[in-house]
Amino acid sequence: MIASLLAAAAVSIVPTPVAQPVVTQVKDVQPQIAEALLSCMVKRDGGLTACSVQSEFPAEMGVGKAALTMASQFQVELMGPDGKSRAGSFIDVPVRIRIR
C-alpha cells in the first residue's frame, strides 16, 4: 500500500506543461528622414556645380555624400526671387531623403 501511495504521489507531482501564448511585439515603424544642406554654385543653364556639404543629419548615414552624388541632376530656377540671375552665385540646397 505504501508503494502504491508513493507511485500515486510521484505521478501527481509531475507538472503538466501549460501552453504559453506566443507573444509577438510589433513595433510601430515610422519612416526616417535624413537631411543634408549643400552649398552649390548655379551654372548658366540652372544646373548646380561646385557643391559642398554644409551639414547633414544623422551624420553616420552618409546622406551628405548621397546628396552630393545627386546634385548634378538638380535644376534650379535661374531667376531668383529678386528677378536677378542666380548664375555664378552660391545657393543653399536642402536635401531630404525619406528612408523606409
PDB file of N, CA and C in Angstrom:
ATOM      1  N   MET A   1       0.832  -1.185   0.000  1.00  0.00           N
ATOM      2  CA  MET A   1       0.000   0.000   0.000  1.00  0.00           C
ATOM      3  C   MET A   1       0.877   1.248   0.000  1.00  0.00           C
ATOM      4  N   ILE A   2       1.962   1.237   0.761  1.00  0.00           N
ATOM      5  CA  ILE A   2       2.852   2.386   0.792  1.00  0.00           C
ATOM      6  C   ILE A   2       3.455   2.609  -0.592  1.00  0.00           C
ATOM      7  N   ALA A   3       3.780   1.515  -1.275  1.00  0.00           N
ATOM      8  CA  ALA A   3       4.361   1.640  -2.616  1.00  0.00           C
ATOM      9  C   ALA A   3       3.368   2.265  -3.573  1.00  0.00           C
ATOM     10  N   SER A   4       2.083   1.909  -3.451  1.00  0.00           N
ATOM     11  CA  SER A   4       1.092   2.494  -4.355  1.00  0.00           C
ATOM     12  C   SER A   4       0.853   3.958  -4.034  1.00  0.00           C
ATOM     13  N   LEU A   5       0.954   4.368  -2.768  1.00  0.00           N
ATOM     14  CA  LEU A   5       0.823   5.783  -2.408  1.00  0.00           C
ATOM     15  C   LEU A   5       2.001   6.590  -2.942  1.00  0.00           C
ATOM     16  N   LEU A   6       3.198   6.022  -2.838  1.00  0.00           N
ATOM     17  CA  LEU A   6       4.365   6.703  -3.375  1.00  0.00           C
ATOM     18  C   LEU A   6       4.267   6.847  -4.893  1.00  0.00           C
ATOM     19  N   ALA A   7       3.798   5.812  -5.554  1.00  0.00           N
ATOM     20  CA  ALA A   7       3.650   5.876  -7.011  1.00  0.00           C
ATOM     21  C   ALA A   7       2.605   6.909  -7.388  1.00  0.00           C
ATOM     22  N   ALA A   8       1.527   6.974  -6.654  1.00  0.00           N
ATOM     23  CA  ALA A   8       0.477   7.946  -6.918  1.00  0.00           C
ATOM     24  C   ALA A   8       0.973   9.352  -6.647  1.00  0.00           C
ATOM     25  N   ALA A   9       1.765   9.519  -5.580  1.00  0.00           N
ATOM     26  CA  ALA A   9       2.316  10.835  -5.259  1.00  0.00           C
ATOM     27  C   ALA A   9       3.300  11.269  -6.324  1.00  0.00           C
ATOM     28  N   ALA A  10       4.103  10.321  -6.813  1.00  0.00           N
ATOM     29  CA  ALA A  10       5.077  10.660  -7.851  1.00  0.00           C
ATOM     30  C   ALA A  10       4.370  11.088  -9.128  1.00  0.00           C
ATOM     31  N   VAL A  11       3.302  10.449  -9.443  1.00  0.00           N
ATOM     32  CA  VAL A  11       2.561  10.795 -10.657  1.00  0.00           C
ATOM     33  C   VAL A  11       1.899  12.153 -10.499  1.00  0.00           C
ATOM     34  N   SER A  12       1.375  12.445  -9.323  1.00  0.00           N
ATOM     35  CA  SER A  12       0.666  13.707  -9.147  1.00  0.00           C
ATOM     36  C   SER A  12       1.615  14.889  -9.005  1.00  0.00           C
ATOM     37  N   ILE A  13       2.910  14.661  -8.704  1.00  0.00           N
ATOM     38  CA  ILE A  13       3.865  15.747  -8.550  1.00  0.00           C
ATOM     39  C   ILE A  13       4.358  16.259  -9.899  1.00  0.00           C
ATOM     40  N   VAL A  14       4.346  15.420 -10.903  1.00  0.00           N
ATOM     41  CA  VAL A  14       4.856  15.815 -12.217  1.00  0.00           C
ATOM     42  C   VAL A  14       3.944  16.911 -12.772  1.00  0.00           C
ATOM     43  N   PRO A  15       4.506  18.104 -12.996  1.00  0.00           N
ATOM     44  CA  PRO A  15       3.667  19.188 -13.510  1.00  0.00           C
ATOM     45  C   PRO A  15       3.315  18.954 -14.977  1.00  0.00           C
ATOM     46  N   THR A  16       2.132  19.325 -15.290  1.00  0.00           N
ATOM     47  CA  THR A  16       1.675  19.237 -16.672  1.00  0.00           C
ATOM     48  C   THR A  16       2.078  20.521 -17.372  1.00  0.00           C
ATOM     49  N   PRO A  17       2.767  20.420 -18.516  1.00  0.00           N
ATOM     50  CA  PRO A  17       3.157  21.644 -19.210  1.00  0.00           C
ATOM     51  C   PRO A  17       1.923  22.418 -19.673  1.00  0.00           C
ATOM     52  N   VAL A  18       1.958  23.668 -19.380  1.00  0.00           N
ATOM     53  CA  VAL A  18       0.846  24.539 -19.775  1.00  0.00           C
ATOM     54  C   VAL A  18       1.277  25.310 -21.016  1.00  0.00           C
ATOM     55  N   ALA A  19       0.461  25.276 -22.026  1.00  0.00           N
ATOM     56  CA  ALA A  19       0.792  26.002 -23.259  1.00  0.00           C
ATOM     57  C   ALA A  19       0.784  27.503 -22.977  1.00  0.00           C
ATOM     58  N   GLN A  20       1.895  28.137 -23.264  1.00  0.00           N
ATOM     59  CA  GLN A  20       2.019  29.580 -23.076  1.00  0.00           C
ATOM     60  C   GLN A  20       1.707  30.272 -24.399  1.00  0.00           C
ATOM     61  N   PRO A  21       0.956  31.347 -24.365  1.00  0.00           N
ATOM     62  CA  PRO A  21       0.697  32.064 -25.615  1.00  0.00           C
ATOM     63  C   PRO A  21       1.982  32.687 -26.152  1.00  0.00           C
ATOM     64  N   VAL A  22       2.108  32.653 -27.437  1.00  0.00           N
ATOM     65  CA  VAL A  22       3.268  33.269 -28.079  1.00  0.00           C
ATOM     66  C   VAL A  22       3.020  34.766 -28.155  1.00  0.00           C
ATOM     67  N   VAL A  23       3.925  35.536 -27.572  1.00  0.00           N
ATOM     68  CA  VAL A  23       3.778  36.986 -27.557  1.00  0.00           C
ATOM     69  C   VAL A  23       4.728  37.565 -28.590  1.00  0.00           C
ATOM     70  N   THR A  24       4.176  38.264 -29.535  1.00  0.00           N
ATOM     71  CA  THR A  24       4.976  38.916 -30.563  1.00  0.00           C
ATOM     72  C   THR A  24       4.786  40.406 -30.407  1.00  0.00           C
ATOM     73  N   GLN A  25       5.894  41.097 -30.280  1.00  0.00           N
ATOM     74  CA  GLN A  25       5.813  42.541 -30.132  1.00  0.00           C
ATOM     75  C   GLN A  25       5.973  43.180 -31.505  1.00  0.00           C
ATOM     76  N   VAL A  26       4.991  43.954 -31.889  1.00  0.00           N
ATOM     77  CA  VAL A  26       5.031  44.651 -33.169  1.00  0.00           C
ATOM     78  C   VAL A  26       5.400  46.099 -32.897  1.00  0.00           C
ATOM     79  N   LYS A  27       6.476  46.529 -33.533  1.00  0.00           N
ATOM     80  CA  LYS A  27       6.910  47.911 -33.344  1.00  0.00           C
ATOM     81  C   LYS A  27       6.279  48.783 -34.414  1.00  0.00           C
ATOM     82  N   ASP A  28       5.932  49.963 -34.014  1.00  0.00           N
ATOM     83  CA  ASP A  28       5.397  50.947 -34.947  1.00  0.00           C
ATOM     84  C   ASP A  28       6.580  51.545 -35.702  1.00  0.00           C
ATOM     85  N   VAL A  29       6.756  51.142 -36.941  1.00  0.00           N
ATOM     86  CA  VAL A  29       7.900  51.587 -37.727  1.00  0.00           C
ATOM     87  C   VAL A  29       7.510  52.830 -38.520  1.00  0.00           C
ATOM     88  N   GLN A  30       8.213  53.890 -38.277  1.00  0.00           N
ATOM     89  CA  GLN A  30       7.988  55.149 -38.975  1.00  0.00           C
ATOM     90  C   GLN A  30       9.140  55.387 -39.933  1.00  0.00           C
ATOM     91  N   PRO A  31       8.858  55.928 -41.116  1.00  0.00           N
ATOM     92  CA  PRO A  31       9.980  56.265 -41.993  1.00  0.00           C
ATOM     93  C   PRO A  31      10.860  57.320 -41.339  1.00  0.00           C
ATOM     94  N   GLN A  32      12.152  57.194 -41.553  1.00  0.00           N
ATOM     95  CA  GLN A  32      13.086  58.180 -41.044  1.00  0.00           C
ATOM     96  C   GLN A  32      13.357  59.208 -42.132  1.00  0.00           C
ATOM     97  N   ILE A  33      13.706  60.389 -41.700  1.00  0.00           N
ATOM     98  CA  ILE A  33      14.096  61.449 -42.624  1.00  0.00           C
ATOM     99  C   ILE A  33      15.558  61.768 -42.375  1.00  0.00           C
ATOM    100  N   ALA A  34      16.343  61.727 -43.443  1.00  0.00           N
ATOM    101  CA  ALA A  34      17.743  62.137 -43.379  1.00  0.00           C
ATOM    102  C   ALA A  34      17.849  63.445 -44.150  1.00  0.00           C
ATOM    103  N   GLU A  35      18.645  64.365 -43.651  1.00  0.00           N
ATOM    104  CA  GLU A  35      18.740  65.686 -44.263  1.00  0.00           C
ATOM    105  C   GLU A  35      20.185  66.096 -44.481  1.00  0.00           C
ATOM    106  N   ALA A  36      20.391  66.829 -45.555  1.00  0.00           N
ATOM    107  CA  ALA A  36      21.706  67.422 -45.817  1.00  0.00           C
ATOM    108  C   ALA A  36      21.468  68.829 -46.353  1.00  0.00           C
ATOM    109  N   LEU A  37      22.398  69.709 -46.081  1.00  0.00           N
ATOM    110  CA  LEU A  37      22.356  71.056 -46.632  1.00  0.00           C
ATOM    111  C   LEU A  37      23.606  71.230 -47.478  1.00  0.00           C
ATOM    112  N   LEU A  38      23.401  71.488 -48.767  1.00  0.00           N
ATOM    113  CA  LEU A  38      24.515  71.695 -49.691  1.00  0.00           C
ATOM    114  C   LEU A  38      24.633  73.174 -50.011  1.00  0.00           C
ATOM    115  N   SER A  39      25.824  73.600 -50.321  1.00  0.00           N
ATOM    116  CA  SER A  39      26.071  74.928 -50.869  1.00  0.00           C
ATOM    117  C   SER A  39      26.602  74.680 -52.275  1.00  0.00           C
ATOM    118  N   CYS A  40      25.905  75.220 -53.296  1.00  0.00           N
ATOM    119  CA  CYS A  40      26.257  74.937 -54.686  1.00  0.00           C
ATOM    120  C   CYS A  40      26.258  76.221 -55.513  1.00  0.00           C
ATOM    121  N   MET A  41      27.095  76.226 -56.531  1.00  0.00           N
ATOM    122  CA  MET A  41      27.102  77.338 -57.474  1.00  0.00           C
ATOM    123  C   MET A  41      26.116  77.021 -58.604  1.00  0.00           C
ATOM    124  N   VAL A  42      25.358  78.038 -58.994  1.00  0.00           N
ATOM    125  CA  VAL A  42      24.386  77.882 -60.070  1.00  0.00           C
ATOM    126  C   VAL A  42      25.084  78.155 -61.408  1.00  0.00           C
ATOM    127  N   LYS A  43      24.937  77.205 -62.336  1.00  0.00           N
ATOM    128  CA  LYS A  43      25.507  77.364 -63.668  1.00  0.00           C
ATOM    129  C   LYS A  43      24.536  78.174 -64.543  1.00  0.00           C
ATOM    130  N   ARG A  44      24.993  78.593 -65.704  1.00  0.00           N
ATOM    131  CA  ARG A  44      24.176  79.414 -66.619  1.00  0.00           C
ATOM    132  C   ARG A  44      22.917  78.697 -67.095  1.00  0.00           C
ATOM    133  N   ASP A  45      22.944  77.362 -67.075  1.00  0.00           N
ATOM    134  CA  ASP A  45      21.765  76.604 -67.524  1.00  0.00           C
ATOM    135  C   ASP A  45      20.840  76.211 -66.371  1.00  0.00           C
ATOM    136  N   GLY A  46      21.137  76.649 -65.154  1.00  0.00           N
ATOM    137  CA  GLY A  46      20.314  76.316 -63.987  1.00  0.00           C
ATOM    138  C   GLY A  46      20.770  75.063 -63.261  1.00  0.00           C
ATOM    139  N   GLY A  47      21.791  74.393 -63.793  1.00  0.00           N
ATOM    140  CA  GLY A  47      22.354  73.234 -63.103  1.00  0.00           C
ATOM    141  C   GLY A  47      23.234  73.689 -61.944  1.00  0.00           C
ATOM    142  N   LEU A  48      23.662  72.741 -61.151  1.00  0.00           N
ATOM    143  CA  LEU A  48      24.479  73.058 -59.979  1.00  0.00           C
ATOM    144  C   LEU A  48      25.878  72.470 -60.143  1.00  0.00           C
ATOM    145  N   THR A  49      26.872  73.175 -59.615  1.00  0.00           N
ATOM    146  CA  THR A  49      28.257  72.712 -59.644  1.00  0.00           C
ATOM    147  C   THR A  49      28.955  73.178 -58.373  1.00  0.00           C
ATOM    148  N   ALA A  50      30.149  72.653 -58.157  1.00  0.00           N
ATOM    149  CA  ALA A  50      30.978  73.054 -57.009  1.00  0.00           C
ATOM    150  C   ALA A  50      30.218  72.961 -55.687  1.00  0.00           C
ATOM    151  N   CYS A  51      29.506  71.878 -55.506  1.00  0.00           N
ATOM    152  CA  CYS A  51      28.718  71.689 -54.277  1.00  0.00           C
ATOM    153  C   CYS A  51      29.590  71.173 -53.138  1.00  0.00           C
ATOM    154  N   SER A  52      29.234  71.581 -51.942  1.00  0.00           N
ATOM    155  CA  SER A  52      29.876  71.066 -50.732  1.00  0.00           C
ATOM    156  C   SER A  52      28.816  70.870 -49.658  1.00  0.00           C
ATOM    157  N   VAL A  53      29.063  69.926 -48.777  1.00  0.00           N
ATOM    158  CA  VAL A  53      28.126  69.625 -47.692  1.00  0.00           C
ATOM    159  C   VAL A  53      28.347  70.623 -46.566  1.00  0.00           C
ATOM    160  N   GLN A  54      27.300  71.331 -46.189  1.00  0.00           N
ATOM    161  CA  GLN A  54      27.361  72.267 -45.063  1.00  0.00           C
ATOM    162  C   GLN A  54      26.961  71.601 -43.755  1.00  0.00           C
ATOM    163  N   SER A  55      25.980  70.693 -43.842  1.00  0.00           N
ATOM    164  CA  SER A  55      25.547  69.945 -42.664  1.00  0.00           C
ATOM    165  C   SER A  55      24.786  68.708 -43.132  1.00  0.00           C
ATOM    166  N   GLU A  56      24.689  67.726 -42.227  1.00  0.00           N
ATOM    167  CA  GLU A  56      23.914  66.516 -42.508  1.00  0.00           C
ATOM    168  C   GLU A  56      23.455  65.896 -41.202  1.00  0.00           C
ATOM    169  N   PHE A  57      22.287  65.259 -41.255  1.00  0.00           N
ATOM    170  CA  PHE A  57      21.737  64.609 -40.066  1.00  0.00           C
ATOM    171  C   PHE A  57      20.915  63.403 -40.498  1.00  0.00           C
ATOM    172  N   PRO A  58      21.097  62.267 -39.897  1.00  0.00           N
ATOM    173  CA  PRO A  58      22.141  61.919 -38.954  1.00  0.00           C
ATOM    174  C   PRO A  58      23.480  61.748 -39.668  1.00  0.00           C
ATOM    175  N   ALA A  59      24.526  62.101 -38.998  1.00  0.00           N
ATOM    176  CA  ALA A  59      25.857  62.153 -39.608  1.00  0.00           C
ATOM    177  C   ALA A  59      26.361  60.790 -40.064  1.00  0.00           C
ATOM    178  N   GLU A  60      26.023  59.735 -39.348  1.00  0.00           N
ATOM    179  CA  GLU A  60      26.582  58.422 -39.651  1.00  0.00           C
ATOM    180  C   GLU A  60      25.935  57.723 -40.853  1.00  0.00           C
ATOM    181  N   MET A  61      24.932  58.324 -41.453  1.00  0.00           N
ATOM    182  CA  MET A  61      24.240  57.672 -42.563  1.00  0.00           C
ATOM    183  C   MET A  61      24.827  58.000 -43.933  1.00  0.00           C
ATOM    184  N   GLY A  62      25.665  59.005 -44.032  1.00  0.00           N
ATOM    185  CA  GLY A  62      26.255  59.349 -45.322  1.00  0.00           C
ATOM    186  C   GLY A  62      25.322  60.082 -46.260  1.00  0.00           C
ATOM    187  N   VAL A  63      24.313  60.756 -45.711  1.00  0.00           N
ATOM    188  CA  VAL A  63      23.345  61.451 -46.553  1.00  0.00           C
ATOM    189  C   VAL A  63      23.983  62.628 -47.287  1.00  0.00           C
ATOM    190  N   GLY A  64      25.010  63.246 -46.710  1.00  0.00           N
ATOM    191  CA  GLY A  64      25.702  64.345 -47.380  1.00  0.00           C
ATOM    192  C   GLY A  64      26.371  63.867 -48.656  1.00  0.00           C
ATOM    193  N   LYS A  65      27.029  62.735 -48.567  1.00  0.00           N
ATOM    194  CA  LYS A  65      27.689  62.150 -49.740  1.00  0.00           C
ATOM    195  C   LYS A  65      26.655  61.769 -50.798  1.00  0.00           C
ATOM    196  N   ALA A  66      25.541  61.202 -50.377  1.00  0.00           N
ATOM    197  CA  ALA A  66      24.472  60.841 -51.310  1.00  0.00           C
ATOM    198  C   ALA A  66      23.907  62.087 -51.991  1.00  0.00           C
ATOM    199  N   ALA A  67      23.712  63.154 -51.229  1.00  0.00           N
ATOM    200  CA  ALA A  67      23.188  64.405 -51.792  1.00  0.00           C
ATOM    201  C   ALA A  67      24.164  64.987 -52.810  1.00  0.00           C
ATOM    202  N   LEU A  68      25.453  64.918 -52.515  1.00  0.00           N
ATOM    203  CA  LEU A  68      26.457  65.399 -53.480  1.00  0.00           C
ATOM    204  C   LEU A  68      26.383  64.609 -54.790  1.00  0.00           C
ATOM    205  N   THR A  69      26.172  63.310 -54.680  1.00  0.00           N
ATOM    206  CA  THR A  69      26.061  62.468 -55.863  1.00  0.00           C
ATOM    207  C   THR A  69      24.856  62.856 -56.712  1.00  0.00           C
ATOM    208  N   MET A  70      23.769  63.236 -56.070  1.00  0.00           N
ATOM    209  CA  MET A  70      22.544  63.598 -56.796  1.00  0.00           C
ATOM    210  C   MET A  70      22.561  65.027 -57.321  1.00  0.00           C
ATOM    211  N   ALA A  71      23.369  65.888 -56.760  1.00  0.00           N
ATOM    212  CA  ALA A  71      23.317  67.327 -57.059  1.00  0.00           C
ATOM    213  C   ALA A  71      23.504  67.648 -58.539  1.00  0.00           C
ATOM    214  N   SER A  72      24.267  66.841 -59.250  1.00  0.00           N
ATOM    215  CA  SER A  72      24.474  67.115 -60.680  1.00  0.00           C
ATOM    216  C   SER A  72      23.189  66.950 -61.484  1.00  0.00           C
ATOM    217  N   GLN A  73      22.192  66.302 -60.916  1.00  0.00           N
ATOM    218  CA  GLN A  73      20.901  66.108 -61.595  1.00  0.00           C
ATOM    219  C   GLN A  73      19.887  67.204 -61.265  1.00  0.00           C
ATOM    220  N   PHE A  74      20.195  68.055 -60.310  1.00  0.00           N
ATOM    221  CA  PHE A  74      19.273  69.102 -59.880  1.00  0.00           C
ATOM    222  C   PHE A  74      19.262  70.262 -60.867  1.00  0.00           C
ATOM    223  N   GLN A  75      18.113  70.859 -61.027  1.00  0.00           N
ATOM    224  CA  GLN A  75      17.943  72.087 -61.811  1.00  0.00           C
ATOM    225  C   GLN A  75      17.229  73.092 -60.915  1.00  0.00           C
ATOM    226  N   VAL A  76      17.672  74.324 -60.941  1.00  0.00           N
ATOM    227  CA  VAL A  76      17.006  75.373 -60.169  1.00  0.00           C
ATOM    228  C   VAL A  76      16.538  76.458 -61.121  1.00  0.00           C
ATOM    229  N   GLU A  77      15.590  77.223 -60.663  1.00  0.00           N
ATOM    230  CA  GLU A  77      15.107  78.364 -61.433  1.00  0.00           C
ATOM    231  C   GLU A  77      16.259  79.357 -61.546  1.00  0.00           C
ATOM    232  N   LEU A  78      16.569  79.753 -62.765  1.00  0.00           N
ATOM    233  CA  LEU A  78      17.717  80.639 -62.981  1.00  0.00           C
ATOM    234  C   LEU A  78      17.489  82.028 -62.402  1.00  0.00           C
ATOM    235  N   MET A  79      16.265  82.494 -62.447  1.00  0.00           N
ATOM    236  CA  MET A  79      15.945  83.807 -61.888  1.00  0.00           C
ATOM    237  C   MET A  79      15.574  83.661 -60.419  1.00  0.00           C
ATOM    238  N   GLY A  80      16.224  84.425 -59.597  1.00  0.00           N
ATOM    239  CA  GLY A  80      15.931  84.399 -58.167  1.00  0.00           C
ATOM    240  C   GLY A  80      14.660  85.162 -57.856  1.00  0.00           C
ATOM    241  N   PRO A  81      14.225  85.164 -56.607  1.00  0.00           N
ATOM    242  CA  PRO A  81      13.010  85.876 -56.218  1.00  0.00           C
ATOM    243  C   PRO A  81      13.117  87.388 -56.424  1.00  0.00           C
ATOM    244  N   ASP A  82      14.351  87.891 -56.486  1.00  0.00           N
ATOM    245  CA  ASP A  82      14.547  89.328 -56.710  1.00  0.00           C
ATOM    246  C   ASP A  82      14.571  89.692 -58.197  1.00  0.00           C
ATOM    247  N   GLY A  83      14.375  88.685 -59.071  1.00  0.00           N
ATOM    248  CA  GLY A  83      14.359  88.934 -60.504  1.00  0.00           C
ATOM    249  C   GLY A  83      15.729  88.944 -61.152  1.00  0.00           C
ATOM    250  N   LYS A  84      16.770  88.705 -60.387  1.00  0.00           N
ATOM    251  CA  LYS A  84      18.139  88.684 -60.919  1.00  0.00           C
ATOM    252  C   LYS A  84      18.581  87.252 -61.171  1.00  0.00           C
ATOM    253  N   SER A  85      19.488  87.108 -62.107  1.00  0.00           N
ATOM    254  CA  SER A  85      20.018  85.794 -62.431  1.00  0.00           C
ATOM    255  C   SER A  85      20.856  85.258 -61.272  1.00  0.00           C
ATOM    256  N   ARG A  86      20.705  83.992 -61.014  1.00  0.00           N
ATOM    257  CA  ARG A  86      21.488  83.327 -59.966  1.00  0.00           C
ATOM    258  C   ARG A  86      22.791  82.749 -60.525  1.00  0.00           C
ATOM    259  N   ALA A  87      22.974  82.790 -61.838  1.00  0.00           N
ATOM    260  CA  ALA A  87      24.151  82.189 -62.458  1.00  0.00           C
ATOM    261  C   ALA A  87      25.424  82.748 -61.834  1.00  0.00           C
ATOM    262  N   GLY A  88      26.322  81.855 -61.433  1.00  0.00           N
ATOM    263  CA  GLY A  88      27.584  82.256 -60.833  1.00  0.00           C
ATOM    264  C   GLY A  88      27.521  82.498 -59.339  1.00  0.00           C
ATOM    265  N   SER A  89      26.344  82.447 -58.758  1.00  0.00           N
ATOM    266  CA  SER A  89      26.227  82.669 -57.313  1.00  0.00           C
ATOM    267  C   SER A  89      26.020  81.333 -56.600  1.00  0.00           C
ATOM    268  N   PHE A  90      26.352  81.325 -55.317  1.00  0.00           N
ATOM    269  CA  PHE A  90      26.155  80.129 -54.497  1.00  0.00           C
ATOM    270  C   PHE A  90      24.798  80.207 -53.809  1.00  0.00           C
ATOM    271  N   ILE A  91      24.125  79.066 -53.752  1.00  0.00           N
ATOM    272  CA  ILE A  91      22.845  78.975 -53.051  1.00  0.00           C
ATOM    273  C   ILE A  91      22.891  77.785 -52.104  1.00  0.00           C
ATOM    274  N   ASP A  92      22.043  77.825 -51.086  1.00  0.00           N
ATOM    275  CA  ASP A  92      21.879  76.682 -50.186  1.00  0.00           C
ATOM    276  C   ASP A  92      20.815  75.765 -50.769  1.00  0.00           C
ATOM    277  N   VAL A  93      21.117  74.481 -50.783  1.00  0.00           N
ATOM    278  CA  VAL A  93      20.193  73.488 -51.346  1.00  0.00           C
ATOM    279  C   VAL A  93      19.895  72.451 -50.263  1.00  0.00           C
ATOM    280  N   PRO A  94      18.696  72.499 -49.676  1.00  0.00           N
ATOM    281  CA  PRO A  94      18.339  71.473 -48.691  1.00  0.00           C
ATOM    282  C   PRO A  94      17.915  70.188 -49.410  1.00  0.00           C
ATOM    283  N   VAL A  95      18.382  69.061 -48.897  1.00  0.00           N
ATOM    284  CA  VAL A  95      18.027  67.764 -49.476  1.00  0.00           C
ATOM    285  C   VAL A  95      17.467  66.909 -48.347  1.00  0.00           C
ATOM    286  N   ARG A  96      16.252  66.383 -48.563  1.00  0.00           N
ATOM    287  CA  ARG A  96      15.629  65.496 -47.573  1.00  0.00           C
ATOM    288  C   ARG A  96      15.412  64.147 -48.238  1.00  0.00           C
ATOM    289  N   ILE A  97      15.833  63.097 -47.563  1.00  0.00           N
ATOM    290  CA  ILE A  97      15.676  61.741 -48.064  1.00  0.00           C
ATOM    291  C   ILE A  97      14.865  60.942 -47.051  1.00  0.00           C
ATOM    292  N   ARG A  98      13.771  60.359 -47.509  1.00  0.00           N
ATOM    293  CA  ARG A  98      12.946  59.523 -46.621  1.00  0.00           C
ATOM    294  C   ARG A  98      13.432  58.089 -46.716  1.00  0.00           C
ATOM    295  N   ILE A  99      13.696  57.501 -45.581  1.00  0.00           N
ATOM    296  CA  ILE A  99      14.201  56.135 -45.502  1.00  0.00           C
ATOM    297  C   ILE A  99      13.105  55.256 -44.934  1.00  0.00           C
ATOM    298  N   ARG A 100      12.765  54.215 -45.640  1.00  0.00           N
ATOM    299  CA  ARG A 100      11.709  53.309 -45.182  1.00  0.00           C
ATOM    300  C   ARG A 100      12.281  52.080 -44.566  1.00  0.00           C
TER     301      ARG A 100
END
